[in-house]
Amino acid sequence: MSQKFKLAVIQMKISESKVDSVHKAIENVAYMADKGANMVVLPEMFNCPYETYRFPAYAEAEGGDTYQRLSKIAKEKKVYLVAGSVPEVEADRIYNTTYIFGPSGDLIGKHRKMHLFEIDIVNGQYFREAETLTAGKSVTVVDTEFGKIGVAICFDVRFPELARLMAQQGAEMLIYPAAFNMTTGPAHWELLFRSRAIDQQVFTVGCAPARDYESNYISYGNSIIVNPWGEVIGRLNDEEGYLFGEIDLSEVSQIRAQLPLNQSIRDDVYELKTILKED
């Protein structure tokens, strides 16, 4: 099995029109697929302005129009599509949800954001997703022909325990559709993606909306790809654009063989238990 594939990360501005935003996303997926991409990633809440009070009006059930169009373009272009995230409604609850489609257009995975974003800066930014959203409960790892991919959303990246669970399930790349803001982005964005790459020895990917100063919530942008050594191998600025290039997941096993952190952890735990028992 070849572990090499072409990855495309799409950084796009989000419109107030769901129709326009979905159309733009579909066009971008098709464009990158025609350039040779095997896997394409869209940003968080790509079909909806990132404002809590708007989520209910934009929400669709699984299988709705946005879902169907994403499935169709994945099938037409024969790509894996990590379809950013959208507000998903089920019964009386709304989730921040990523759909993952295979080259056949079938749904191969689905992640509901587990850690809802909350910020309350003194004399600064306030935002609380829990005002309208419900948190997911499941760790998401999907099988692809290139290897296992873990998928989570934005604020989830701050929790190394979740990254660890995905890595333990075999994930060699962690993809996070994400919309950091102008407070947390400059301070923590690169640091977090490099940290998760280093502590789990995986590739990490952050796909953000492009910056729009006319929006009430301004995305930091700066979509990023980090290798298992913690090196930034691709990064955008604040404008619309693409990250596109080859990923070789075999680098993960190479790094882990050279720096066997997992074995070190197990040995340390065993040694600690032995010492405690002797005491």
C-alpha atoms as a PDB file:
ATOM      1  CA  MET A   1       0.000   0.000   0.000  1.00  0.00           C
ATOM      2  CA  SER A   2       1.413   3.362  -1.016  1.00  0.00           C
ATOM      3  CA  GLN A   3       1.284   5.929   1.741  1.00  0.00           C
ATOM      4  CA  LYS A   4       1.974   8.819  -0.606  1.00  0.00           C
ATOM      5  CA  PHE A   5      -0.839  11.104  -1.750  1.00  0.00           C
ATOM      6  CA  LYS A   6      -1.521  14.666  -2.851  1.00  0.00           C
ATOM      7  CA  LEU A   7      -3.226  16.799  -0.217  1.00  0.00           C
ATOM      8  CA  ALA A   8      -5.080  20.061  -0.911  1.00  0.00           C
ATOM      9  CA  VAL A   9      -6.144  22.455   1.864  1.00  0.00           C
ATOM     10  CA  ILE A  10      -8.619  25.134   0.798  1.00  0.00           C
ATOM     11  CA  GLN A  11      -8.687  28.507   2.576  1.00  0.00           C
ATOM     12  CA  MET A  12     -11.740  30.441   1.405  1.00  0.00           C
ATOM     13  CA  LYS A  13     -13.884  33.343   2.551  1.00  0.00           C
ATOM     14  CA  ILE A  14     -17.322  32.511   3.876  1.00  0.00           C
ATOM     15  CA  SER A  15     -20.400  34.264   2.496  1.00  0.00           C
ATOM     16  CA  GLU A  16     -23.664  35.041   4.264  1.00  0.00           C
ATOM     17  CA  SER A  17     -25.301  33.119   1.415  1.00  0.00           C
ATOM     18  CA  LYS A  18     -25.180  29.374   2.046  1.00  0.00           C
ATOM     19  CA  VAL A  19     -25.794  28.746  -1.649  1.00  0.00           C
ATOM     20  CA  ASP A  20     -22.824  30.908  -2.658  1.00  0.00           C
ATOM     21  CA  SER A  21     -20.505  29.414  -0.048  1.00  0.00           C
ATOM     22  CA  VAL A  22     -21.340  25.820  -0.977  1.00  0.00           C
ATOM     23  CA  HIS A  23     -20.952  26.630  -4.677  1.00  0.00           C
ATOM     24  CA  LYS A  24     -17.541  28.170  -4.017  1.00  0.00           C
ATOM     25  CA  ALA A  25     -16.458  25.163  -1.956  1.00  0.00           C
ATOM     26  CA  ILE A  26     -17.534  22.741  -4.687  1.00  0.00           C
ATOM     27  CA  GLU A  27     -15.678  24.732  -7.338  1.00  0.00           C
ATOM     28  CA  ASN A  28     -12.522  24.746  -5.208  1.00  0.00           C
ATOM     29  CA  VAL A  29     -12.713  20.996  -4.575  1.00  0.00           C
ATOM     30  CA  ALA A  30     -13.106  20.365  -8.305  1.00  0.00           C
ATOM     31  CA  TYR A  31     -10.207  22.686  -9.108  1.00  0.00           C
ATOM     32  CA  MET A  32      -7.816  20.995  -6.698  1.00  0.00           C
ATOM     33  CA  ALA A  33      -8.926  17.524  -7.790  1.00  0.00           C
ATOM     34  CA  ASP A  34      -8.157  18.490 -11.390  1.00  0.00           C
ATOM     35  CA  LYS A  35      -4.692  19.563 -10.182  1.00  0.00           C
ATOM     36  CA  GLY A  36      -4.143  16.020  -8.924  1.00  0.00           C
ATOM     37  CA  ALA A  37      -5.302  16.131  -5.301  1.00  0.00           C
ATOM     38  CA  ASN A  38      -6.261  12.779  -3.768  1.00  0.00           C
ATOM     39  CA  MET A  39      -7.569  14.342  -0.563  1.00  0.00           C
ATOM     40  CA  VAL A  40      -9.149  17.771  -0.126  1.00  0.00           C
ATOM     41  CA  VAL A  41      -9.920  19.653   3.100  1.00  0.00           C
ATOM     42  CA  LEU A  42     -12.415  22.491   3.620  1.00  0.00           C
ATOM     43  CA  PRO A  43     -12.542  24.953   6.557  1.00  0.00           C
ATOM     44  CA  GLU A  44     -14.712  24.993   9.655  1.00  0.00           C
ATOM     45  CA  MET A  45     -18.282  26.272   9.154  1.00  0.00           C
ATOM     46  CA  PHE A  46     -17.625  26.845   5.447  1.00  0.00           C
ATOM     47  CA  ASN A  47     -21.327  27.306   4.601  1.00  0.00           C
ATOM     48  CA  CYS A  48     -22.279  29.528   7.524  1.00  0.00           C
ATOM     49  CA  PRO A  49     -21.034  32.749   9.151  1.00  0.00           C
ATOM     50  CA  TYR A  50     -19.299  31.818  12.385  1.00  0.00           C
ATOM     51  CA  GLU A  51     -21.793  33.369  14.788  1.00  0.00           C
ATOM     52  CA  THR A  52     -23.706  31.344  17.352  1.00  0.00           C
ATOM     53  CA  TYR A  53     -27.101  32.913  16.701  1.00  0.00           C
ATOM     54  CA  ARG A  54     -26.868  32.036  12.998  1.00  0.00           C
ATOM     55  CA  PHE A  55     -26.218  28.310  13.402  1.00  0.00           C
ATOM     56  CA  PRO A  56     -29.891  27.253  13.772  1.00  0.00           C
ATOM     57  CA  ALA A  57     -30.962  29.031  10.573  1.00  0.00           C
ATOM     58  CA  TYR A  58     -28.153  27.445   8.542  1.00  0.00           C
ATOM     59  CA  ALA A  59     -28.372  23.972  10.057  1.00  0.00           C
ATOM     60  CA  GLU A  60     -29.264  20.931   7.943  1.00  0.00           C
ATOM     61  CA  ALA A  61     -29.830  17.306   8.823  1.00  0.00           C
ATOM     62  CA  GLU A  62     -27.388  14.666   7.626  1.00  0.00           C
ATOM     63  CA  GLY A  63     -28.298  13.912   4.024  1.00  0.00           C
ATOM     64  CA  GLY A  64     -29.431  17.494   3.338  1.00  0.00           C
ATOM     65  CA  ASP A  65     -28.549  19.601   0.308  1.00  0.00           C
ATOM     66  CA  THR A  66     -25.017  20.529   1.423  1.00  0.00           C
ATOM     67  CA  TYR A  67     -24.296  16.894   2.286  1.00  0.00           C
ATOM     68  CA  GLN A  68     -25.566  15.680  -1.080  1.00  0.00           C
ATOM     69  CA  ARG A  69     -23.485  18.169  -3.029  1.00  0.00           C
ATOM     70  CA  LEU A  70     -20.338  17.283  -1.105  1.00  0.00           C
ATOM     71  CA  SER A  71     -20.930  13.582  -1.675  1.00  0.00           C
ATOM     72  CA  LYS A  72     -21.512  14.195  -5.369  1.00  0.00           C
ATOM     73  CA  ILE A  73     -18.297  16.168  -5.959  1.00  0.00           C
ATOM     74  CA  ALA A  74     -16.228  13.594  -4.016  1.00  0.00           C
ATOM     75  CA  LYS A  75     -17.640  10.871  -6.273  1.00  0.00           C
ATOM     76  CA  GLU A  76     -17.284  12.866  -9.494  1.00  0.00           C
ATOM     77  CA  LYS A  77     -13.647  13.751  -8.784  1.00  0.00           C
ATOM     78  CA  LYS A  78     -12.796  10.495  -6.975  1.00  0.00           C
ATOM     79  CA  VAL A  79     -11.236  12.227  -3.979  1.00  0.00           C
ATOM     80  CA  TYR A  80     -11.331  11.874  -0.237  1.00  0.00           C
ATOM     81  CA  LEU A  81     -13.119  14.959   1.058  1.00  0.00           C
ATOM     82  CA  VAL A  82     -12.773  16.157   4.640  1.00  0.00           C
ATOM     83  CA  ALA A  83     -15.667  18.520   4.236  1.00  0.00           C
ATOM     84  CA  GLY A  84     -14.807  21.274   6.689  1.00  0.00           C
ATOM     85  CA  SER A  85     -17.686  21.551   9.087  1.00  0.00           C
ATOM     86  CA  VAL A  86     -21.313  22.629   8.927  1.00  0.00           C
ATOM     87  CA  PRO A  87     -24.100  23.121  11.472  1.00  0.00           C
ATOM     88  CA  GLU A  88     -25.941  19.792  11.628  1.00  0.00           C
ATOM     89  CA  VAL A  89     -29.395  19.460  13.167  1.00  0.00           C
ATOM     90  CA  GLU A  90     -30.707  16.273  14.734  1.00  0.00           C
ATOM     91  CA  ALA A  91     -33.997  16.397  16.614  1.00  0.00           C
ATOM     92  CA  ASP A  92     -33.741  19.525  18.794  1.00  0.00           C
ATOM     93  CA  ARG A  93     -29.945  19.657  18.863  1.00  0.00           C
ATOM     94  CA  ILE A  94     -27.367  21.335  16.627  1.00  0.00           C
ATOM     95  CA  TYR A  95     -23.814  20.087  16.219  1.00  0.00           C
ATOM     96  CA  ASN A  96     -20.667  21.451  14.596  1.00  0.00           C
ATOM     97  CA  THR A  97     -20.078  18.505  12.258  1.00  0.00           C
ATOM     98  CA  THR A  98     -17.464  17.339   9.775  1.00  0.00           C
ATOM     99  CA  TYR A  99     -18.493  14.834   7.104  1.00  0.00           C
ATOM    100  CA  ILE A 100     -15.738  12.733   5.534  1.00  0.00           C
ATOM    101  CA  PHE A 101     -16.483  11.272   2.100  1.00  0.00           C
ATOM    102  CA  GLY A 102     -14.562   8.634   0.186  1.00  0.00           C
ATOM    103  CA  PRO A 103     -13.828   8.627  -3.574  1.00  0.00           C
ATOM    104  CA  SER A 104     -17.071   6.691  -4.109  1.00  0.00           C
ATOM    105  CA  GLY A 105     -19.051   9.529  -2.549  1.00  0.00           C
ATOM    106  CA  ASP A 106     -19.964   7.381   0.451  1.00  0.00           C
ATOM    107  CA  LEU A 107     -19.730   8.758   3.962  1.00  0.00           C
ATOM    108  CA  ILE A 108     -16.727   7.069   5.602  1.00  0.00           C
ATOM    109  CA  GLY A 109     -16.737   9.087   8.819  1.00  0.00           C
ATOM    110  CA  LYS A 110     -18.350  11.912  10.728  1.00  0.00           C
ATOM    111  CA  HIS A 111     -17.045  14.025  13.592  1.00  0.00           C
ATOM    112  CA  ARG A 112     -19.070  16.216  15.892  1.00  0.00           C
ATOM    113  CA  LYS A 113     -16.931  18.813  17.659  1.00  0.00           C
ATOM    114  CA  MET A 114     -16.289  17.487  21.155  1.00  0.00           C
ATOM    115  CA  HIS A 115     -14.897  20.596  22.864  1.00  0.00           C
ATOM    116  CA  LEU A 116     -17.088  23.627  22.243  1.00  0.00           C
ATOM    117  CA  PHE A 117     -15.230  26.902  21.875  1.00  0.00           C
ATOM    118  CA  GLU A 118     -15.528  29.390  24.698  1.00  0.00           C
ATOM    119  CA  ILE A 119     -13.616  32.616  25.206  1.00  0.00           C
ATOM    120  CA  ASP A 120     -14.216  35.578  27.511  1.00  0.00           C
ATOM    121  CA  ILE A 121     -11.331  38.051  27.421  1.00  0.00           C
ATOM    122  CA  VAL A 122     -11.523  40.931  29.901  1.00  0.00           C
ATOM    123  CA  ASN A 123     -12.396  44.044  27.876  1.00  0.00           C
ATOM    124  CA  GLY A 124     -12.076  41.872  24.766  1.00  0.00           C
ATOM    125  CA  GLN A 125     -13.605  39.017  22.813  1.00  0.00           C
ATOM    126  CA  TYR A 126     -16.537  36.918  24.008  1.00  0.00           C
ATOM    127  CA  PHE A 127     -17.817  33.815  22.221  1.00  0.00           C
ATOM    128  CA  ARG A 128     -19.572  30.697  23.509  1.00  0.00           C
ATOM    129  CA  GLU A 129     -20.600  27.939  21.097  1.00  0.00           C
ATOM    130  CA  ALA A 130     -22.616  26.151  23.787  1.00  0.00           C
ATOM    131  CA  GLU A 131     -25.242  28.890  23.521  1.00  0.00           C
ATOM    132  CA  THR A 132     -26.605  27.040  20.486  1.00  0.00           C
ATOM    133  CA  LEU A 133     -24.463  23.932  19.911  1.00  0.00           C
ATOM    134  CA  THR A 134     -24.266  20.510  21.549  1.00  0.00           C
ATOM    135  CA  ALA A 135     -20.933  18.747  21.972  1.00  0.00           C
ATOM    136  CA  GLY A 136     -20.152  15.468  20.242  1.00  0.00           C
ATOM    137  CA  LYS A 137     -18.943  12.415  22.131  1.00  0.00           C
ATOM    138  CA  SER A 138     -17.003  10.265  19.661  1.00  0.00           C
ATOM    139  CA  VAL A 139     -13.367  10.044  18.595  1.00  0.00           C
ATOM    140  CA  THR A 140     -13.145   9.966  14.791  1.00  0.00           C
ATOM    141  CA  VAL A 141     -10.576   7.979  12.813  1.00  0.00           C
ATOM    142  CA  VAL A 142     -11.233   6.906   9.224  1.00  0.00           C
ATOM    143  CA  ASP A 143      -9.562   4.370   6.960  1.00  0.00           C
ATOM    144  CA  THR A 144      -8.233   5.509   3.598  1.00  0.00           C
ATOM    145  CA  GLU A 145      -6.180   3.668   0.998  1.00  0.00           C
ATOM    146  CA  PHE A 146      -3.159   5.658   2.219  1.00  0.00           C
ATOM    147  CA  GLY A 147      -3.561   5.061   5.935  1.00  0.00           C
ATOM    148  CA  LYS A 148      -5.691   6.097   8.901  1.00  0.00           C
ATOM    149  CA  ILE A 149      -6.681   9.750   9.323  1.00  0.00           C
ATOM    150  CA  GLY A 150      -7.976  11.324  12.516  1.00  0.00           C
ATOM    151  CA  VAL A 151     -10.458  14.194  12.228  1.00  0.00           C
ATOM    152  CA  ALA A 152     -11.444  16.732  14.876  1.00  0.00           C
ATOM    153  CA  ILE A 153     -12.546  20.380  14.843  1.00  0.00           C
ATOM    154  CA  CYS A 154     -10.833  23.617  15.930  1.00  0.00           C
ATOM    155  CA  PHE A 155     -10.983  23.840  19.763  1.00  0.00           C
ATOM    156  CA  ASP A 156     -10.447  20.056  19.868  1.00  0.00           C
ATOM    157  CA  VAL A 157      -6.782  20.701  18.961  1.00  0.00           C
ATOM    158  CA  ARG A 158      -6.165  22.149  22.422  1.00  0.00           C
ATOM    159  CA  PHE A 159      -6.727  18.739  24.017  1.00  0.00           C
ATOM    160  CA  PRO A 160      -3.725  16.408  23.646  1.00  0.00           C
ATOM    161  CA  GLU A 161      -5.771  13.599  25.197  1.00  0.00           C
ATOM    162  CA  LEU A 162      -8.023  13.542  22.116  1.00  0.00           C
ATOM    163  CA  ALA A 163      -5.041  13.578  19.767  1.00  0.00           C
ATOM    164  CA  ARG A 164      -3.591  10.702  21.763  1.00  0.00           C
ATOM    165  CA  LEU A 165      -6.775   8.673  21.404  1.00  0.00           C
ATOM    166  CA  MET A 166      -6.747   9.196  17.627  1.00  0.00           C
ATOM    167  CA  ALA A 167      -3.087   8.193  17.422  1.00  0.00           C
ATOM    168  CA  GLN A 168      -3.753   5.099  19.536  1.00  0.00           C
ATOM    169  CA  GLN A 169      -6.418   4.108  17.012  1.00  0.00           C
ATOM    170  CA  GLY A 170      -3.780   4.235  14.287  1.00  0.00           C
ATOM    171  CA  ALA A 171      -4.142   7.776  12.922  1.00  0.00           C
ATOM    172  CA  GLU A 172      -0.994   9.033  11.192  1.00  0.00           C
ATOM    173  CA  MET A 173      -2.445  12.404  10.226  1.00  0.00           C
ATOM    174  CA  LEU A 174      -4.764  14.596  12.301  1.00  0.00           C
ATOM    175  CA  ILE A 175      -6.935  17.026  10.345  1.00  0.00           C
ATOM    176  CA  TYR A 176      -8.664  19.936  12.066  1.00  0.00           C
ATOM    177  CA  PRO A 177     -11.021  22.236  10.153  1.00  0.00           C
ATOM    178  CA  ALA A 178     -10.631  25.303  12.353  1.00  0.00           C
ATOM    179  CA  ALA A 179     -11.460  28.982  12.667  1.00  0.00           C
ATOM    180  CA  PHE A 180      -9.144  30.529  15.245  1.00  0.00           C
ATOM    181  CA  ASN A 181      -9.684  34.252  15.808  1.00  0.00           C
ATOM    182  CA  MET A 182      -7.422  37.289  15.937  1.00  0.00           C
ATOM    183  CA  THR A 183      -6.873  36.856  19.691  1.00  0.00           C
ATOM    184  CA  THR A 184      -5.977  33.168  19.915  1.00  0.00           C
ATOM    185  CA  GLY A 185      -4.604  32.750  16.383  1.00  0.00           C
ATOM    186  CA  PRO A 186      -1.414  34.824  16.660  1.00  0.00           C
ATOM    187  CA  ALA A 187      -0.758  33.436  20.139  1.00  0.00           C
ATOM    188  CA  HIS A 188      -1.481  29.729  19.801  1.00  0.00           C
ATOM    189  CA  TRP A 189      -2.275  28.532  16.243  1.00  0.00           C
ATOM    190  CA  GLU A 190       1.149  27.383  15.049  1.00  0.00           C
ATOM    191  CA  LEU A 191       2.208  26.361  18.539  1.00  0.00           C
ATOM    192  CA  LEU A 192      -0.740  23.992  18.930  1.00  0.00           C
ATOM    193  CA  PHE A 193      -0.368  22.321  15.546  1.00  0.00           C
ATOM    194  CA  ARG A 194       3.354  21.826  16.067  1.00  0.00           C
ATOM    195  CA  SER A 195       2.722  20.536  19.602  1.00  0.00           C
ATOM    196  CA  ARG A 196       0.169  17.931  18.501  1.00  0.00           C
ATOM    197  CA  ALA A 197       2.470  16.849  15.667  1.00  0.00           C
ATOM    198  CA  ILE A 198       5.402  16.422  18.056  1.00  0.00           C
ATOM    199  CA  ASP A 199       3.645  14.810  21.007  1.00  0.00           C
ATOM    200  CA  GLN A 200       1.821  12.245  18.809  1.00  0.00           C
ATOM    201  CA  GLN A 201       4.461  12.012  16.048  1.00  0.00           C
ATOM    202  CA  VAL A 202       1.904  12.566  13.281  1.00  0.00           C
ATOM    203  CA  PHE A 203       1.173  15.014  10.499  1.00  0.00           C
ATOM    204  CA  THR A 204      -1.232  17.756  11.575  1.00  0.00           C
ATOM    205  CA  VAL A 205      -3.386  19.894   9.293  1.00  0.00           C
ATOM    206  CA  GLY A 206      -5.338  23.042  10.138  1.00  0.00           C
ATOM    207  CA  CYS A 207      -7.757  24.345   7.501  1.00  0.00           C
ATOM    208  CA  ALA A 208      -9.183  27.790   8.245  1.00  0.00           C
ATOM    209  CA  PRO A 209     -11.478  30.274   6.531  1.00  0.00           C
ATOM    210  CA  ALA A 210      -9.714  33.226   4.919  1.00  0.00           C
ATOM    211  CA  ARG A 211      -9.788  36.478   6.861  1.00  0.00           C
ATOM    212  CA  ASP A 212     -12.735  38.799   6.287  1.00  0.00           C
ATOM    213  CA  TYR A 213     -12.541  42.098   8.152  1.00  0.00           C
ATOM    214  CA  GLU A 214     -16.218  42.779   7.410  1.00  0.00           C
ATOM    215  CA  SER A 215     -17.276  39.718   9.388  1.00  0.00           C
ATOM    216  CA  ASN A 216     -18.310  39.943  13.044  1.00  0.00           C
ATOM    217  CA  TYR A 217     -16.014  36.972  13.725  1.00  0.00           C
ATOM    218  CA  ILE A 218     -12.649  37.450  12.005  1.00  0.00           C
ATOM    219  CA  SER A 219     -10.792  34.244  11.197  1.00  0.00           C
ATOM    220  CA  TYR A 220      -7.027  34.214  11.671  1.00  0.00           C
ATOM    221  CA  GLY A 221      -6.549  32.197   8.472  1.00  0.00           C
ATOM    222  CA  ASN A 222      -2.996  30.809   8.257  1.00  0.00           C
ATOM    223  CA  SER A 223      -4.002  27.253   7.232  1.00  0.00           C
ATOM    224  CA  ILE A 224      -1.093  24.990   8.106  1.00  0.00           C
ATOM    225  CA  ILE A 225       0.515  21.573   7.603  1.00  0.00           C
ATOM    226  CA  VAL A 226       3.102  20.223  10.059  1.00  0.00           C
ATOM    227  CA  ASN A 227       5.169  17.041   9.698  1.00  0.00           C
ATOM    228  CA  PRO A 228       5.812  14.452  12.471  1.00  0.00           C
ATOM    229  CA  TRP A 229       9.097  16.167  13.377  1.00  0.00           C
ATOM    230  CA  GLY A 230       7.186  19.344  14.200  1.00  0.00           C
ATOM    231  CA  GLU A 231       8.304  21.268  11.109  1.00  0.00           C
ATOM    232  CA  VAL A 232       5.861  23.575   9.324  1.00  0.00           C
ATOM    233  CA  ILE A 233       5.909  22.317   5.738  1.00  0.00           C
ATOM    234  CA  GLY A 234       3.114  24.545   4.460  1.00  0.00           C
ATOM    235  CA  ARG A 235       1.389  27.690   5.678  1.00  0.00           C
ATOM    236  CA  LEU A 236      -0.814  30.359   4.138  1.00  0.00           C
ATOM    237  CA  ASN A 237      -1.329  33.961   5.249  1.00  0.00           C
ATOM    238  CA  ASP A 238      -4.728  35.564   5.792  1.00  0.00           C
ATOM    239  CA  GLU A 239      -5.938  35.573   2.156  1.00  0.00           C
ATOM    240  CA  GLU A 240      -7.814  33.010   0.084  1.00  0.00           C
ATOM    241  CA  GLY A 241      -5.549  30.324  -1.311  1.00  0.00           C
ATOM    242  CA  TYR A 242      -4.465  26.678  -1.320  1.00  0.00           C
ATOM    243  CA  LEU A 243      -1.882  24.458   0.303  1.00  0.00           C
ATOM    244  CA  PHE A 244      -1.084  21.656  -2.126  1.00  0.00           C
ATOM    245  CA  GLY A 245       1.609  19.010  -2.131  1.00  0.00           C
ATOM    246  CA  GLU A 246       2.606  15.419  -1.525  1.00  0.00           C
ATOM    247  CA  ILE A 247       2.299  13.766   1.874  1.00  0.00           C
ATOM    248  CA  ASP A 248       4.140  10.542   2.664  1.00  0.00           C
ATOM    249  CA  LEU A 249       2.661   8.928   5.757  1.00  0.00           C
ATOM    250  CA  SER A 250       5.593   6.503   5.954  1.00  0.00           C
ATOM    251  CA  GLU A 251       7.477   9.398   7.585  1.00  0.00           C
ATOM    252  CA  VAL A 252       5.419   8.707  10.701  1.00  0.00           C
ATOM    253  CA  SER A 253       6.832   5.212  11.240  1.00  0.00           C
ATOM    254  CA  GLN A 254      10.327   6.472  10.414  1.00  0.00           C
ATOM    255  CA  ILE A 255      10.155   9.217  13.051  1.00  0.00           C
ATOM    256  CA  ARG A 256       8.660   6.868  15.636  1.00  0.00           C
ATOM    257  CA  ALA A 257      11.422   4.316  15.030  1.00  0.00           C
ATOM    258  CA  GLN A 258      14.124   6.959  15.499  1.00  0.00           C
ATOM    259  CA  LEU A 259      12.464   8.547  18.542  1.00  0.00           C
ATOM    260  CA  PRO A 260      10.324   5.824  20.207  1.00  0.00           C
ATOM    261  CA  LEU A 261       8.214   7.927  22.546  1.00  0.00           C
ATOM    262  CA  ASN A 262       5.445   5.362  22.936  1.00  0.00           C
ATOM    263  CA  GLN A 263       7.848   2.706  24.208  1.00  0.00           C
ATOM    264  CA  SER A 264       9.460   5.244  26.550  1.00  0.00           C
ATOM    265  CA  ILE A 265       6.070   6.047  28.055  1.00  0.00           C
ATOM    266  CA  ARG A 266       5.276   2.380  28.662  1.00  0.00           C
ATOM    267  CA  ASP A 267       8.692   1.762  30.266  1.00  0.00           C
ATOM    268  CA  ASP A 268       8.345   4.808  32.508  1.00  0.00           C
ATOM    269  CA  VAL A 269       4.895   3.692  33.699  1.00  0.00           C
ATOM    270  CA  TYR A 270       6.146   0.167  34.392  1.00  0.00           C
ATOM    271  CA  GLU A 271       9.129   1.510  36.318  1.00  0.00           C
ATOM    272  CA  LEU A 272       6.904   3.813  38.365  1.00  0.00           C
ATOM    273  CA  LYS A 273       4.550   0.951  39.246  1.00  0.00           C
ATOM    274  CA  THR A 274       7.498  -1.199  40.289  1.00  0.00           C
ATOM    275  CA  ILE A 275       8.876   1.543  42.557  1.00  0.00           C
ATOM    276  CA  LEU A 276       5.478   2.124  44.164  1.00  0.00           C
ATOM    277  CA  LYS A 277       5.025  -1.596  44.745  1.00  0.00           C
ATOM    278  CA  GLU A 278       8.438  -1.890  46.389  1.00  0.00           C
ATOM    279  CA  ASP A 279       7.655   1.069  48.653  1.00  0.00           C
END
